[in-house]
Amino acid sequence: MSGIPNNTGREGGLDTSAYRATLRRHPAGVAIITLASPSGPVGFTATSLASLSLDPPLVSFNITNTSSSIAALRQADSLLIHLLAEHQLAVAQRFSRSAELRFADTALWTTLDTGEPLLHGTATWLRVEPRQLIDAGDSTLVIGLVSDAHCAPEQDGKPPAPLIYHNGTYLHTRPVPQ
């Protein structure tokens, strides 16, 4: 093959560091998934959120099988997907830390009547019922039915600017001149 480097670092497969470095260049919105469990609220960050279907309304995301949240997710009847805005950088950083610290400050979240933890200051969120959990490599792909969608009113005719994650850094968005 001409000009295509061989990035295999192990027998018959792609070098994981090359794969990770390549995908870090793909920007993603930052979402926090929260759910109730018998031992208390559970939450984790997902940058793999995708719209899957309009009819029925389905979304998907993945979670690594080593996550401290995977057991609770496997038992959950519902969850919330918080689409973070750029003013929520501290929330994103809190959920990238130890699981014990994510809900430690009870002034930063509340519980909906349906039981899921809702993070204060989140203008856009979805309530989702997990329908399929599919083993996929070292992760589980979750396909969920959206049962509720919440969009707070726009400020000055604009939705909140999203929080973006790219190459290990959180970024602001701005329009590209055309």
C-alpha atoms as a PDB file:
ATOM      1  CA  MET A   1       0.000   0.000   0.000  1.00  0.00           C
ATOM      2  CA  SER A   2       1.452   3.309  -1.002  1.00  0.00           C
ATOM      3  CA  GLY A   3       1.903   6.006   1.604  1.00  0.00           C
ATOM      4  CA  ILE A   4      -0.355   4.436   4.252  1.00  0.00           C
ATOM      5  CA  PRO A   5       1.553   3.796   7.483  1.00  0.00           C
ATOM      6  CA  ASN A   6       1.131   0.469   9.224  1.00  0.00           C
ATOM      7  CA  ASN A   7       0.013   1.385  12.747  1.00  0.00           C
ATOM      8  CA  THR A   8      -0.263  -2.107  14.059  1.00  0.00           C
ATOM      9  CA  GLY A   9       1.243  -2.285  17.503  1.00  0.00           C
ATOM     10  CA  ARG A  10      -0.086  -5.761  18.250  1.00  0.00           C
ATOM     11  CA  GLU A  11      -0.743  -8.950  16.341  1.00  0.00           C
ATOM     12  CA  GLY A  12      -3.398  -8.363  13.663  1.00  0.00           C
ATOM     13  CA  GLY A  13      -4.777  -5.089  15.019  1.00  0.00           C
ATOM     14  CA  LEU A  14      -4.482  -1.365  15.124  1.00  0.00           C
ATOM     15  CA  ASP A  15      -2.181   0.222  17.672  1.00  0.00           C
ATOM     16  CA  THR A  16      -4.513   1.542  20.386  1.00  0.00           C
ATOM     17  CA  SER A  17      -2.466   4.705  20.966  1.00  0.00           C
ATOM     18  CA  ALA A  18      -2.738   5.640  17.260  1.00  0.00           C
ATOM     19  CA  TYR A  19      -6.458   4.902  17.329  1.00  0.00           C
ATOM     20  CA  ARG A  20      -6.981   7.012  20.473  1.00  0.00           C
ATOM     21  CA  ALA A  21      -4.884   9.902  19.099  1.00  0.00           C
ATOM     22  CA  THR A  22      -6.881   9.892  15.870  1.00  0.00           C
ATOM     23  CA  LEU A  23     -10.292   9.933  17.563  1.00  0.00           C
ATOM     24  CA  ARG A  24      -9.215  12.693  19.990  1.00  0.00           C
ATOM     25  CA  ARG A  25      -9.245  14.972  16.946  1.00  0.00           C
ATOM     26  CA  HIS A  26     -12.976  14.457  16.467  1.00  0.00           C
ATOM     27  CA  PRO A  27     -14.851  17.073  18.517  1.00  0.00           C
ATOM     28  CA  ALA A  28     -17.797  15.994  20.623  1.00  0.00           C
ATOM     29  CA  GLY A  29     -20.481  17.607  22.703  1.00  0.00           C
ATOM     30  CA  VAL A  30     -20.273  16.849  26.408  1.00  0.00           C
ATOM     31  CA  ALA A  31     -23.173  14.960  27.972  1.00  0.00           C
ATOM     32  CA  ILE A  32     -23.589  13.796  31.551  1.00  0.00           C
ATOM     33  CA  ILE A  33     -25.723  10.701  32.112  1.00  0.00           C
ATOM     34  CA  THR A  34     -27.408  10.446  35.528  1.00  0.00           C
ATOM     35  CA  LEU A  35     -29.589   7.744  37.033  1.00  0.00           C
ATOM     36  CA  ALA A  36     -30.899   6.527  40.346  1.00  0.00           C
ATOM     37  CA  SER A  37     -29.574   3.365  41.940  1.00  0.00           C
ATOM     38  CA  PRO A  38     -30.331   1.598  45.235  1.00  0.00           C
ATOM     39  CA  SER A  39     -27.076   3.019  46.653  1.00  0.00           C
ATOM     40  CA  GLY A  40     -27.781   6.608  45.520  1.00  0.00           C
ATOM     41  CA  PRO A  41     -27.331   8.760  42.427  1.00  0.00           C
ATOM     42  CA  VAL A  42     -24.947   7.638  39.696  1.00  0.00           C
ATOM     43  CA  GLY A  43     -23.491   9.672  36.857  1.00  0.00           C
ATOM     44  CA  PHE A  44     -20.836   9.649  34.175  1.00  0.00           C
ATOM     45  CA  THR A  45     -19.654  11.618  31.154  1.00  0.00           C
ATOM     46  CA  ALA A  46     -20.495  10.508  27.626  1.00  0.00           C
ATOM     47  CA  THR A  47     -19.044  12.169  24.540  1.00  0.00           C
ATOM     48  CA  SER A  48     -20.424   9.402  22.332  1.00  0.00           C
ATOM     49  CA  LEU A  49     -24.048  10.587  22.365  1.00  0.00           C
ATOM     50  CA  ALA A  50     -25.803  10.309  19.010  1.00  0.00           C
ATOM     51  CA  SER A  51     -29.288  10.720  17.664  1.00  0.00           C
ATOM     52  CA  LEU A  52     -30.330   7.339  16.289  1.00  0.00           C
ATOM     53  CA  SER A  53     -33.962   7.618  15.160  1.00  0.00           C
ATOM     54  CA  LEU A  54     -36.746  10.192  15.016  1.00  0.00           C
ATOM     55  CA  ASP A  55     -39.623   7.698  14.922  1.00  0.00           C
ATOM     56  CA  PRO A  56     -39.405   6.250  17.479  1.00  0.00           C
ATOM     57  CA  PRO A  57     -37.148   8.826  19.183  1.00  0.00           C
ATOM     58  CA  LEU A  58     -33.951   6.906  19.970  1.00  0.00           C
ATOM     59  CA  VAL A  59     -30.497   7.975  21.104  1.00  0.00           C
ATOM     60  CA  SER A  60     -27.335   5.978  21.685  1.00  0.00           C
ATOM     61  CA  PHE A  61     -24.168   6.315  23.740  1.00  0.00           C
ATOM     62  CA  ASN A  62     -21.502   3.990  25.013  1.00  0.00           C
ATOM     63  CA  ILE A  63     -20.017   3.278  28.415  1.00  0.00           C
ATOM     64  CA  THR A  64     -16.816   1.340  29.082  1.00  0.00           C
ATOM     65  CA  ASN A  65     -17.281  -1.984  30.813  1.00  0.00           C
ATOM     66  CA  THR A  66     -14.808  -0.951  33.521  1.00  0.00           C
ATOM     67  CA  SER A  67     -16.874   2.112  34.500  1.00  0.00           C
ATOM     68  CA  SER A  68     -17.985   2.365  38.117  1.00  0.00           C
ATOM     69  CA  SER A  69     -21.464   3.175  36.734  1.00  0.00           C
ATOM     70  CA  ILE A  70     -21.993   0.139  34.477  1.00  0.00           C
ATOM     71  CA  ALA A  71     -23.717  -2.088  37.066  1.00  0.00           C
ATOM     72  CA  ALA A  72     -26.245   0.630  37.957  1.00  0.00           C
ATOM     73  CA  LEU A  73     -26.859   1.358  34.277  1.00  0.00           C
ATOM     74  CA  ARG A  74     -27.589  -2.307  33.589  1.00  0.00           C
ATOM     75  CA  GLN A  75     -30.362  -2.155  36.243  1.00  0.00           C
ATOM     76  CA  ALA A  76     -31.801   1.281  35.354  1.00  0.00           C
ATOM     77  CA  ASP A  77     -35.343   1.750  34.057  1.00  0.00           C
ATOM     78  CA  SER A  78     -34.644   5.369  33.114  1.00  0.00           C
ATOM     79  CA  LEU A  79     -31.877   7.944  33.017  1.00  0.00           C
ATOM     80  CA  LEU A  80     -31.279  11.587  32.176  1.00  0.00           C
ATOM     81  CA  ILE A  81     -28.924  12.857  29.500  1.00  0.00           C
ATOM     82  CA  HIS A  82     -27.755  16.393  30.290  1.00  0.00           C
ATOM     83  CA  LEU A  83     -26.422  18.278  27.244  1.00  0.00           C
ATOM     84  CA  LEU A  84     -23.879  20.579  28.840  1.00  0.00           C
ATOM     85  CA  ALA A  85     -23.478  24.216  27.872  1.00  0.00           C
ATOM     86  CA  GLU A  86     -20.166  26.025  28.024  1.00  0.00           C
ATOM     87  CA  HIS A  87     -21.094  27.665  31.349  1.00  0.00           C
ATOM     88  CA  GLN A  88     -21.095  24.138  32.861  1.00  0.00           C
ATOM     89  CA  LEU A  89     -17.364  23.462  32.596  1.00  0.00           C
ATOM     90  CA  ALA A  90     -17.188  22.898  36.382  1.00  0.00           C
ATOM     91  CA  VAL A  91     -19.888  20.208  36.076  1.00  0.00           C
ATOM     92  CA  ALA A  92     -17.913  18.414  33.354  1.00  0.00           C
ATOM     93  CA  GLN A  93     -14.780  18.579  35.464  1.00  0.00           C
ATOM     94  CA  ARG A  94     -16.617  17.283  38.565  1.00  0.00           C
ATOM     95  CA  PHE A  95     -17.922  14.272  36.634  1.00  0.00           C
ATOM     96  CA  SER A  96     -14.440  13.453  35.345  1.00  0.00           C
ATOM     97  CA  ARG A  97     -13.280  12.941  38.949  1.00  0.00           C
ATOM     98  CA  SER A  98     -13.924  10.168  41.431  1.00  0.00           C
ATOM     99  CA  ALA A  99     -17.477   8.783  41.478  1.00  0.00           C
ATOM    100  CA  GLU A 100     -17.824   9.617  45.185  1.00  0.00           C
ATOM    101  CA  LEU A 101     -17.410  13.348  44.482  1.00  0.00           C
ATOM    102  CA  ARG A 102     -19.920  13.694  41.630  1.00  0.00           C
ATOM    103  CA  PHE A 103     -22.999  14.101  43.839  1.00  0.00           C
ATOM    104  CA  ALA A 104     -21.280  15.130  47.084  1.00  0.00           C
ATOM    105  CA  ASP A 105     -22.644  18.697  46.963  1.00  0.00           C
ATOM    106  CA  THR A 106     -26.424  18.251  47.182  1.00  0.00           C
ATOM    107  CA  ALA A 107     -26.948  21.943  46.354  1.00  0.00           C
ATOM    108  CA  LEU A 108     -25.870  21.207  42.754  1.00  0.00           C
ATOM    109  CA  TRP A 109     -28.628  18.745  41.850  1.00  0.00           C
ATOM    110  CA  THR A 110     -32.177  17.698  42.634  1.00  0.00           C
ATOM    111  CA  THR A 111     -34.264  14.575  42.092  1.00  0.00           C
ATOM    112  CA  LEU A 112     -37.116  14.553  39.586  1.00  0.00           C
ATOM    113  CA  ASP A 113     -40.472  13.027  40.545  1.00  0.00           C
ATOM    114  CA  THR A 114     -39.475  10.087  38.338  1.00  0.00           C
ATOM    115  CA  GLY A 115     -36.372   9.475  40.502  1.00  0.00           C
ATOM    116  CA  GLU A 116     -33.476  10.577  38.302  1.00  0.00           C
ATOM    117  CA  PRO A 117     -30.928  13.151  39.510  1.00  0.00           C
ATOM    118  CA  LEU A 118     -31.154  16.452  37.566  1.00  0.00           C
ATOM    119  CA  LEU A 119     -28.099  18.711  37.521  1.00  0.00           C
ATOM    120  CA  HIS A 120     -28.925  22.366  38.234  1.00  0.00           C
ATOM    121  CA  GLY A 121     -28.252  24.808  35.422  1.00  0.00           C
ATOM    122  CA  THR A 122     -28.828  22.302  32.633  1.00  0.00           C
ATOM    123  CA  ALA A 123     -31.001  23.989  30.009  1.00  0.00           C
ATOM    124  CA  THR A 124     -31.286  20.960  27.734  1.00  0.00           C
ATOM    125  CA  TRP A 125     -31.862  17.385  28.839  1.00  0.00           C
ATOM    126  CA  LEU A 126     -33.540  14.156  27.784  1.00  0.00           C
ATOM    127  CA  ARG A 127     -35.268  11.483  29.873  1.00  0.00           C
ATOM    128  CA  VAL A 128     -34.446   8.103  28.355  1.00  0.00           C
ATOM    129  CA  GLU A 129     -35.537   4.516  28.922  1.00  0.00           C
ATOM    130  CA  PRO A 130     -32.713   2.086  28.087  1.00  0.00           C
ATOM    131  CA  ARG A 131     -34.046  -0.434  25.546  1.00  0.00           C
ATOM    132  CA  GLN A 132     -30.954  -2.277  24.349  1.00  0.00           C
ATOM    133  CA  LEU A 133     -27.529  -2.804  25.883  1.00  0.00           C
ATOM    134  CA  ILE A 134     -25.187  -4.289  23.318  1.00  0.00           C
ATOM    135  CA  ASP A 135     -21.724  -5.627  24.184  1.00  0.00           C
ATOM    136  CA  ALA A 136     -19.252  -3.969  21.809  1.00  0.00           C
ATOM    137  CA  GLY A 137     -15.564  -4.593  22.460  1.00  0.00           C
ATOM    138  CA  ASP A 138     -14.530  -3.087  25.793  1.00  0.00           C
ATOM    139  CA  SER A 139     -17.751  -1.058  25.976  1.00  0.00           C
ATOM    140  CA  THR A 140     -21.511  -1.385  26.046  1.00  0.00           C
ATOM    141  CA  LEU A 141     -23.584   0.448  23.466  1.00  0.00           C
ATOM    142  CA  VAL A 142     -26.807   1.768  25.007  1.00  0.00           C
ATOM    143  CA  ILE A 143     -29.841   2.436  22.832  1.00  0.00           C
ATOM    144  CA  GLY A 144     -32.566   4.343  24.628  1.00  0.00           C
ATOM    145  CA  LEU A 145     -36.095   5.536  23.915  1.00  0.00           C
ATOM    146  CA  VAL A 146     -36.524   9.252  24.628  1.00  0.00           C
ATOM    147  CA  SER A 147     -39.622   9.741  26.781  1.00  0.00           C
ATOM    148  CA  ASP A 148     -39.155  13.450  27.560  1.00  0.00           C
ATOM    149  CA  ALA A 149     -37.135  16.296  26.048  1.00  0.00           C
ATOM    150  CA  HIS A 150     -36.550  19.565  27.889  1.00  0.00           C
ATOM    151  CA  CYS A 151     -35.277  22.759  26.270  1.00  0.00           C
ATOM    152  CA  ALA A 152     -35.295  25.867  28.455  1.00  0.00           C
ATOM    153  CA  PRO A 153     -36.338  29.061  26.673  1.00  0.00           C
ATOM    154  CA  GLU A 154     -33.617  30.674  24.596  1.00  0.00           C
ATOM    155  CA  GLN A 155     -31.800  33.708  25.977  1.00  0.00           C
ATOM    156  CA  ASP A 156     -31.689  36.669  23.569  1.00  0.00           C
ATOM    157  CA  GLY A 157     -33.051  34.424  20.821  1.00  0.00           C
ATOM    158  CA  LYS A 158     -30.159  31.967  21.097  1.00  0.00           C
ATOM    159  CA  PRO A 159     -29.827  28.511  22.624  1.00  0.00           C
ATOM    160  CA  PRO A 160     -27.008  28.029  25.144  1.00  0.00           C
ATOM    161  CA  ALA A 161     -23.594  27.552  23.544  1.00  0.00           C
ATOM    162  CA  PRO A 162     -22.534  23.898  23.848  1.00  0.00           C
ATOM    163  CA  LEU A 163     -19.524  22.643  25.748  1.00  0.00           C
ATOM    164  CA  ILE A 164     -17.211  20.880  23.300  1.00  0.00           C
ATOM    165  CA  TYR A 165     -14.448  18.362  24.015  1.00  0.00           C
ATOM    166  CA  HIS A 166     -11.597  18.082  21.512  1.00  0.00           C
ATOM    167  CA  ASN A 167      -8.106  16.627  21.819  1.00  0.00           C
ATOM    168  CA  GLY A 168      -8.287  16.454  25.606  1.00  0.00           C
ATOM    169  CA  THR A 169      -9.493  20.046  26.038  1.00  0.00           C
ATOM    170  CA  TYR A 170     -12.844  21.736  26.584  1.00  0.00           C
ATOM    171  CA  LEU A 171     -13.626  24.401  23.976  1.00  0.00           C
ATOM    172  CA  HIS A 172     -16.058  27.210  23.205  1.00  0.00           C
ATOM    173  CA  THR A 173     -17.832  27.352  19.875  1.00  0.00           C
ATOM    174  CA  ARG A 174     -17.988  30.295  17.535  1.00  0.00           C
ATOM    175  CA  PRO A 175     -19.425  30.739  14.064  1.00  0.00           C
ATOM    176  CA  VAL A 176     -17.105  30.060  11.156  1.00  0.00           C
ATOM    177  CA  PRO A 177     -16.927  33.007   8.699  1.00  0.00           C
ATOM    178  CA  GLN A 178     -18.481  32.083   5.384  1.00  0.00           C
END
